[in-house]
N, C-alpha and C. Protein backbone atom coordinates (compact mmCIF):
# COMPACT_ATOMS: atom_id res chain seq x y z
N MET A 1 -93.48 -27.82 -27.87
CA MET A 1 -94.45 -27.46 -28.89
C MET A 1 -95.57 -26.68 -28.20
N ALA A 2 -95.92 -25.54 -28.72
CA ALA A 2 -96.98 -24.73 -28.13
C ALA A 2 -98.30 -25.49 -28.21
N ARG A 3 -99.12 -25.31 -27.18
CA ARG A 3 -100.40 -26.01 -27.11
C ARG A 3 -101.26 -25.71 -28.33
N ASP A 4 -101.27 -24.46 -28.79
CA ASP A 4 -102.07 -24.12 -29.96
C ASP A 4 -101.61 -24.88 -31.19
N GLN A 5 -100.30 -24.99 -31.38
CA GLN A 5 -99.80 -25.73 -32.54
C GLN A 5 -100.13 -27.21 -32.39
N LEU A 6 -100.02 -27.74 -31.20
CA LEU A 6 -100.36 -29.13 -30.97
C LEU A 6 -101.82 -29.38 -31.33
N SER A 7 -102.70 -28.48 -30.96
CA SER A 7 -104.12 -28.61 -31.31
C SER A 7 -104.30 -28.58 -32.82
N ARG A 8 -103.58 -27.69 -33.49
CA ARG A 8 -103.69 -27.62 -34.96
C ARG A 8 -103.17 -28.90 -35.60
N VAL A 9 -102.09 -29.45 -35.06
CA VAL A 9 -101.52 -30.68 -35.62
C VAL A 9 -102.51 -31.83 -35.47
N PHE A 10 -103.06 -32.00 -34.27
CA PHE A 10 -104.02 -33.10 -34.07
C PHE A 10 -105.27 -32.88 -34.92
N ALA A 11 -105.74 -31.65 -35.03
CA ALA A 11 -106.91 -31.38 -35.87
C ALA A 11 -106.60 -31.70 -37.33
N ALA A 12 -105.42 -31.32 -37.79
CA ALA A 12 -105.04 -31.60 -39.17
C ALA A 12 -104.98 -33.10 -39.43
N LEU A 13 -104.49 -33.85 -38.47
CA LEU A 13 -104.34 -35.28 -38.65
C LEU A 13 -105.62 -36.06 -38.36
N ALA A 14 -106.69 -35.36 -37.99
CA ALA A 14 -107.97 -36.02 -37.76
C ALA A 14 -108.58 -36.52 -39.06
N ASP A 15 -108.17 -35.94 -40.17
CA ASP A 15 -108.72 -36.32 -41.47
C ASP A 15 -107.89 -37.45 -42.08
N PRO A 16 -108.53 -38.55 -42.52
CA PRO A 16 -107.77 -39.69 -43.06
C PRO A 16 -106.99 -39.36 -44.33
N THR A 17 -107.50 -38.46 -45.16
CA THR A 17 -106.76 -38.09 -46.37
C THR A 17 -105.47 -37.38 -46.00
N ARG A 18 -105.55 -36.49 -45.01
CA ARG A 18 -104.34 -35.78 -44.58
C ARG A 18 -103.34 -36.73 -43.92
N ARG A 19 -103.84 -37.68 -43.14
CA ARG A 19 -102.92 -38.67 -42.56
C ARG A 19 -102.23 -39.46 -43.67
N ASP A 20 -102.97 -39.81 -44.70
CA ASP A 20 -102.39 -40.54 -45.82
C ASP A 20 -101.36 -39.68 -46.55
N LEU A 21 -101.64 -38.39 -46.71
CA LEU A 21 -100.67 -37.50 -47.35
C LEU A 21 -99.38 -37.44 -46.53
N VAL A 22 -99.51 -37.36 -45.22
CA VAL A 22 -98.32 -37.34 -44.36
C VAL A 22 -97.55 -38.64 -44.52
N ALA A 23 -98.26 -39.77 -44.55
CA ALA A 23 -97.59 -41.06 -44.73
C ALA A 23 -96.85 -41.11 -46.06
N ARG A 24 -97.47 -40.60 -47.11
CA ARG A 24 -96.82 -40.60 -48.41
C ARG A 24 -95.62 -39.67 -48.44
N LEU A 25 -95.73 -38.52 -47.78
CA LEU A 25 -94.61 -37.58 -47.74
C LEU A 25 -93.47 -38.08 -46.87
N SER A 26 -93.75 -39.03 -45.98
CA SER A 26 -92.67 -39.59 -45.16
C SER A 26 -91.69 -40.38 -46.04
N LEU A 27 -92.12 -40.75 -47.23
CA LEU A 27 -91.25 -41.46 -48.18
C LEU A 27 -90.40 -40.51 -49.00
N GLY A 28 -90.78 -39.23 -49.04
CA GLY A 28 -90.03 -38.25 -49.80
C GLY A 28 -90.92 -37.13 -50.30
N ASP A 29 -90.31 -36.04 -50.70
CA ASP A 29 -91.04 -34.88 -51.20
C ASP A 29 -91.83 -35.25 -52.46
N ALA A 30 -92.93 -34.56 -52.68
CA ALA A 30 -93.76 -34.79 -53.85
C ALA A 30 -94.49 -33.50 -54.21
N THR A 31 -94.87 -33.39 -55.47
CA THR A 31 -95.65 -32.23 -55.91
C THR A 31 -97.13 -32.48 -55.63
N VAL A 32 -97.93 -31.44 -55.72
CA VAL A 32 -99.37 -31.58 -55.53
C VAL A 32 -99.93 -32.57 -56.54
N GLY A 33 -99.50 -32.48 -57.78
CA GLY A 33 -99.97 -33.40 -58.81
C GLY A 33 -99.62 -34.85 -58.49
N GLU A 34 -98.41 -35.07 -58.00
CA GLU A 34 -98.00 -36.43 -57.63
C GLU A 34 -98.81 -36.94 -56.44
N LEU A 35 -99.11 -36.05 -55.51
CA LEU A 35 -99.90 -36.44 -54.35
C LEU A 35 -101.36 -36.70 -54.73
N ALA A 36 -101.87 -35.97 -55.69
CA ALA A 36 -103.27 -36.11 -56.10
C ALA A 36 -103.51 -37.34 -56.95
N ALA A 37 -102.48 -37.86 -57.62
CA ALA A 37 -102.65 -38.93 -58.60
C ALA A 37 -103.44 -40.14 -58.10
N PRO A 38 -103.19 -40.69 -56.92
CA PRO A 38 -103.93 -41.90 -56.53
C PRO A 38 -105.35 -41.64 -56.01
N TYR A 39 -105.75 -40.39 -55.91
CA TYR A 39 -107.05 -40.05 -55.34
C TYR A 39 -108.05 -39.68 -56.43
N ARG A 40 -109.30 -39.73 -56.04
CA ARG A 40 -110.35 -39.21 -56.91
C ARG A 40 -110.63 -37.76 -56.51
N LEU A 41 -109.58 -37.05 -56.22
CA LEU A 41 -109.67 -35.65 -55.83
C LEU A 41 -108.90 -34.81 -56.82
N THR A 42 -109.32 -33.59 -56.98
CA THR A 42 -108.60 -32.68 -57.87
C THR A 42 -107.34 -32.19 -57.17
N PRO A 43 -106.38 -31.71 -57.94
CA PRO A 43 -105.21 -31.09 -57.31
C PRO A 43 -105.60 -29.92 -56.40
N GLN A 44 -106.69 -29.22 -56.73
CA GLN A 44 -107.15 -28.12 -55.88
C GLN A 44 -107.60 -28.64 -54.51
N ALA A 45 -108.30 -29.78 -54.51
CA ALA A 45 -108.75 -30.36 -53.24
C ALA A 45 -107.55 -30.82 -52.41
N ILE A 46 -106.57 -31.42 -53.07
CA ILE A 46 -105.33 -31.83 -52.36
C ILE A 46 -104.63 -30.60 -51.81
N SER A 47 -104.61 -29.52 -52.59
CA SER A 47 -103.98 -28.27 -52.13
C SER A 47 -104.65 -27.75 -50.87
N LYS A 48 -105.97 -27.90 -50.77
CA LYS A 48 -106.68 -27.46 -49.56
C LYS A 48 -106.25 -28.31 -48.36
N HIS A 49 -106.12 -29.61 -48.57
CA HIS A 49 -105.63 -30.47 -47.49
C HIS A 49 -104.21 -30.08 -47.09
N LEU A 50 -103.39 -29.81 -48.08
CA LEU A 50 -102.00 -29.43 -47.80
C LEU A 50 -101.93 -28.10 -47.06
N LYS A 51 -102.85 -27.20 -47.36
CA LYS A 51 -102.87 -25.91 -46.67
C LYS A 51 -103.12 -26.12 -45.17
N VAL A 52 -104.02 -27.04 -44.83
CA VAL A 52 -104.29 -27.34 -43.42
C VAL A 52 -103.03 -27.92 -42.77
N LEU A 53 -102.38 -28.85 -43.48
CA LEU A 53 -101.14 -29.43 -42.95
C LEU A 53 -100.04 -28.38 -42.81
N GLU A 54 -100.00 -27.46 -43.75
CA GLU A 54 -99.00 -26.38 -43.72
C GLU A 54 -99.26 -25.44 -42.54
N GLU A 55 -100.51 -25.10 -42.31
CA GLU A 55 -100.85 -24.20 -41.19
C GLU A 55 -100.53 -24.85 -39.85
N ALA A 56 -100.58 -26.19 -39.80
CA ALA A 56 -100.24 -26.91 -38.58
C ALA A 56 -98.73 -27.08 -38.43
N GLY A 57 -97.97 -26.72 -39.47
CA GLY A 57 -96.52 -26.84 -39.41
C GLY A 57 -96.00 -28.21 -39.83
N LEU A 58 -96.89 -29.06 -40.34
CA LEU A 58 -96.48 -30.42 -40.72
C LEU A 58 -95.79 -30.49 -42.07
N VAL A 59 -96.11 -29.59 -42.98
CA VAL A 59 -95.47 -29.59 -44.29
C VAL A 59 -95.07 -28.18 -44.68
N THR A 60 -94.11 -28.11 -45.57
CA THR A 60 -93.72 -26.84 -46.18
C THR A 60 -93.67 -27.05 -47.68
N ARG A 61 -93.80 -25.95 -48.41
CA ARG A 61 -93.67 -26.01 -49.86
C ARG A 61 -92.55 -25.07 -50.26
N ARG A 62 -91.81 -25.49 -51.26
CA ARG A 62 -90.72 -24.63 -51.74
C ARG A 62 -90.69 -24.71 -53.26
N ARG A 63 -89.98 -23.80 -53.85
CA ARG A 63 -89.84 -23.79 -55.30
C ARG A 63 -88.51 -24.43 -55.66
N ASP A 64 -88.58 -25.36 -56.60
CA ASP A 64 -87.39 -26.05 -57.10
C ASP A 64 -87.49 -26.01 -58.62
N ALA A 65 -86.95 -24.95 -59.21
CA ALA A 65 -87.08 -24.69 -60.66
C ALA A 65 -88.57 -24.60 -60.98
N GLN A 66 -89.08 -25.48 -61.83
CA GLN A 66 -90.50 -25.45 -62.19
C GLN A 66 -91.37 -26.25 -61.22
N ARG A 67 -90.76 -27.03 -60.37
CA ARG A 67 -91.51 -27.86 -59.41
C ARG A 67 -91.75 -27.10 -58.11
N ARG A 68 -92.82 -27.45 -57.44
CA ARG A 68 -93.09 -26.92 -56.09
C ARG A 68 -93.31 -28.09 -55.16
N PRO A 69 -92.23 -28.77 -54.78
CA PRO A 69 -92.40 -29.96 -53.94
C PRO A 69 -92.89 -29.62 -52.54
N VAL A 70 -93.64 -30.55 -51.99
CA VAL A 70 -94.15 -30.46 -50.62
C VAL A 70 -93.21 -31.32 -49.78
N HIS A 71 -92.82 -30.77 -48.64
CA HIS A 71 -91.85 -31.44 -47.77
C HIS A 71 -92.47 -31.66 -46.40
N LEU A 72 -92.33 -32.87 -45.87
CA LEU A 72 -92.81 -33.20 -44.53
C LEU A 72 -91.82 -32.68 -43.50
N GLU A 73 -92.31 -31.94 -42.52
CA GLU A 73 -91.48 -31.44 -41.42
C GLU A 73 -91.52 -32.47 -40.30
N ALA A 74 -90.64 -33.44 -40.37
CA ALA A 74 -90.65 -34.58 -39.44
C ALA A 74 -90.43 -34.16 -37.99
N GLU A 75 -89.79 -33.03 -37.77
CA GLU A 75 -89.55 -32.58 -36.39
C GLU A 75 -90.86 -32.39 -35.64
N VAL A 76 -91.90 -31.95 -36.36
CA VAL A 76 -93.20 -31.76 -35.71
C VAL A 76 -93.74 -33.11 -35.24
N LEU A 77 -93.55 -34.14 -36.05
CA LEU A 77 -93.98 -35.48 -35.64
C LEU A 77 -93.18 -35.95 -34.43
N ASP A 78 -91.90 -35.62 -34.38
CA ASP A 78 -91.07 -35.96 -33.22
C ASP A 78 -91.59 -35.27 -31.97
N GLN A 79 -91.99 -34.02 -32.11
CA GLN A 79 -92.53 -33.28 -30.96
C GLN A 79 -93.85 -33.89 -30.49
N MET A 80 -94.69 -34.29 -31.45
CA MET A 80 -95.95 -34.95 -31.09
C MET A 80 -95.67 -36.26 -30.37
N THR A 81 -94.73 -37.01 -30.88
CA THR A 81 -94.38 -38.30 -30.28
C THR A 81 -93.91 -38.10 -28.85
N ALA A 82 -93.09 -37.09 -28.62
CA ALA A 82 -92.60 -36.81 -27.27
C ALA A 82 -93.75 -36.46 -26.34
N TRP A 83 -94.70 -35.66 -26.83
CA TRP A 83 -95.86 -35.27 -26.03
C TRP A 83 -96.69 -36.51 -25.68
N ILE A 84 -96.95 -37.35 -26.66
CA ILE A 84 -97.74 -38.57 -26.45
C ILE A 84 -97.00 -39.51 -25.51
N GLU A 85 -95.70 -39.66 -25.72
CA GLU A 85 -94.89 -40.59 -24.91
C GLU A 85 -94.93 -40.23 -23.43
N ARG A 86 -94.92 -38.93 -23.14
CA ARG A 86 -94.96 -38.50 -21.74
C ARG A 86 -96.21 -39.05 -21.05
N TYR A 87 -97.36 -38.96 -21.71
CA TYR A 87 -98.61 -39.42 -21.11
C TYR A 87 -98.74 -40.94 -21.18
N ARG A 88 -98.16 -41.57 -22.20
CA ARG A 88 -98.16 -43.02 -22.28
C ARG A 88 -97.36 -43.59 -21.12
N ALA A 89 -96.21 -42.98 -20.83
CA ALA A 89 -95.36 -43.45 -19.72
C ALA A 89 -96.10 -43.32 -18.39
N GLN A 90 -96.83 -42.23 -18.20
CA GLN A 90 -97.59 -42.06 -16.96
C GLN A 90 -98.67 -43.12 -16.85
N ALA A 91 -99.36 -43.41 -17.95
CA ALA A 91 -100.40 -44.43 -17.94
C ALA A 91 -99.80 -45.80 -17.66
N GLU A 92 -98.65 -46.09 -18.26
CA GLU A 92 -97.97 -47.37 -18.02
C GLU A 92 -97.63 -47.53 -16.54
N GLU A 93 -97.16 -46.47 -15.91
CA GLU A 93 -96.81 -46.53 -14.49
C GLU A 93 -98.06 -46.82 -13.65
N ARG A 94 -99.18 -46.19 -13.98
CA ARG A 94 -100.43 -46.47 -13.25
C ARG A 94 -100.82 -47.94 -13.42
N PHE A 95 -100.70 -48.46 -14.64
CA PHE A 95 -101.04 -49.87 -14.87
C PHE A 95 -100.11 -50.81 -14.10
N ARG A 96 -98.82 -50.47 -14.03
CA ARG A 96 -97.88 -51.29 -13.25
C ARG A 96 -98.28 -51.33 -11.77
N ARG A 97 -98.66 -50.16 -11.24
CA ARG A 97 -99.08 -50.11 -9.84
C ARG A 97 -100.36 -50.92 -9.63
N LEU A 98 -101.29 -50.83 -10.56
CA LEU A 98 -102.53 -51.59 -10.47
C LEU A 98 -102.25 -53.09 -10.54
N ASP A 99 -101.38 -53.50 -11.47
CA ASP A 99 -101.01 -54.91 -11.57
C ASP A 99 -100.39 -55.42 -10.27
N ALA A 100 -99.52 -54.62 -9.67
CA ALA A 100 -98.87 -55.01 -8.41
C ALA A 100 -99.92 -55.16 -7.30
N LEU A 101 -100.86 -54.23 -7.25
CA LEU A 101 -101.93 -54.30 -6.25
C LEU A 101 -102.77 -55.55 -6.46
N LEU A 102 -103.14 -55.83 -7.70
CA LEU A 102 -103.95 -57.03 -7.98
C LEU A 102 -103.18 -58.30 -7.64
N ASP A 103 -101.89 -58.31 -7.91
CA ASP A 103 -101.06 -59.48 -7.56
C ASP A 103 -101.04 -59.68 -6.04
N ARG A 104 -100.88 -58.58 -5.28
CA ARG A 104 -100.87 -58.68 -3.80
C ARG A 104 -102.22 -59.19 -3.30
N MET A 105 -103.30 -58.66 -3.88
CA MET A 105 -104.64 -59.08 -3.45
C MET A 105 -104.86 -60.56 -3.75
N ALA A 106 -104.42 -61.00 -4.93
CA ALA A 106 -104.56 -62.42 -5.29
C ALA A 106 -103.74 -63.29 -4.35
N ALA A 107 -102.53 -62.85 -4.01
CA ALA A 107 -101.68 -63.62 -3.10
C ALA A 107 -102.31 -63.70 -1.72
N GLU A 108 -102.89 -62.60 -1.24
CA GLU A 108 -103.56 -62.61 0.07
C GLU A 108 -104.76 -63.55 0.05
N GLU A 109 -105.53 -63.52 -1.03
CA GLU A 109 -106.69 -64.41 -1.15
C GLU A 109 -106.25 -65.86 -1.16
N ASP A 110 -105.16 -66.15 -1.88
CA ASP A 110 -104.63 -67.52 -1.90
C ASP A 110 -104.19 -67.93 -0.50
N GLY A 111 -103.57 -67.00 0.24
CA GLY A 111 -103.14 -67.29 1.61
C GLY A 111 -104.33 -67.59 2.51
N HIS A 112 -105.41 -66.78 2.39
CA HIS A 112 -106.61 -67.00 3.19
C HIS A 112 -107.27 -68.33 2.82
N ARG A 113 -107.30 -68.64 1.55
CA ARG A 113 -107.89 -69.91 1.09
C ARG A 113 -107.12 -71.09 1.66
N GLN A 114 -105.77 -70.99 1.63
CA GLN A 114 -104.94 -72.06 2.16
C GLN A 114 -105.17 -72.23 3.67
N GLU A 115 -105.31 -71.10 4.40
CA GLU A 115 -105.57 -71.18 5.84
C GLU A 115 -106.89 -71.88 6.12
N ARG A 116 -107.91 -71.59 5.34
CA ARG A 116 -109.23 -72.23 5.53
C ARG A 116 -109.14 -73.72 5.25
N GLU A 117 -108.37 -74.10 4.21
CA GLU A 117 -108.22 -75.50 3.88
C GLU A 117 -107.45 -76.23 4.99
N ASP A 118 -106.45 -75.55 5.54
CA ASP A 118 -105.66 -76.16 6.61
C ASP A 118 -106.50 -76.38 7.87
N GLU A 119 -107.47 -75.49 8.13
CA GLU A 119 -108.33 -75.58 9.30
C GLU A 119 -109.34 -76.71 9.15
N SER A 120 -109.67 -77.09 7.90
CA SER A 120 -110.66 -78.12 7.68
C SER A 120 -110.15 -79.50 7.86
């Protein structure tokens, strides 16, 4: 995923309404009117949110007879997940190394404590 698109995707998902729209679209395609129904927003306001999601590549709109359903492009979410997972795995490895170091330090301290007790 190009860095610019990744920035657009994260920026688009920074808004809670847009995240909610993505969650709702993960259940299936819906029209602007269907997406606007549970909100106190006009269909025009929902359309503006959808435009941001569309520019980020997260959704597409198509014509289906008289309907214009909005479709979630799940592949973009897969690409985001892969990007996040790469850095999560690196962080996990650092934490594993830190845990091992702390375990060694604790074991050494226990050994020194035991030696002092044995000397007493």
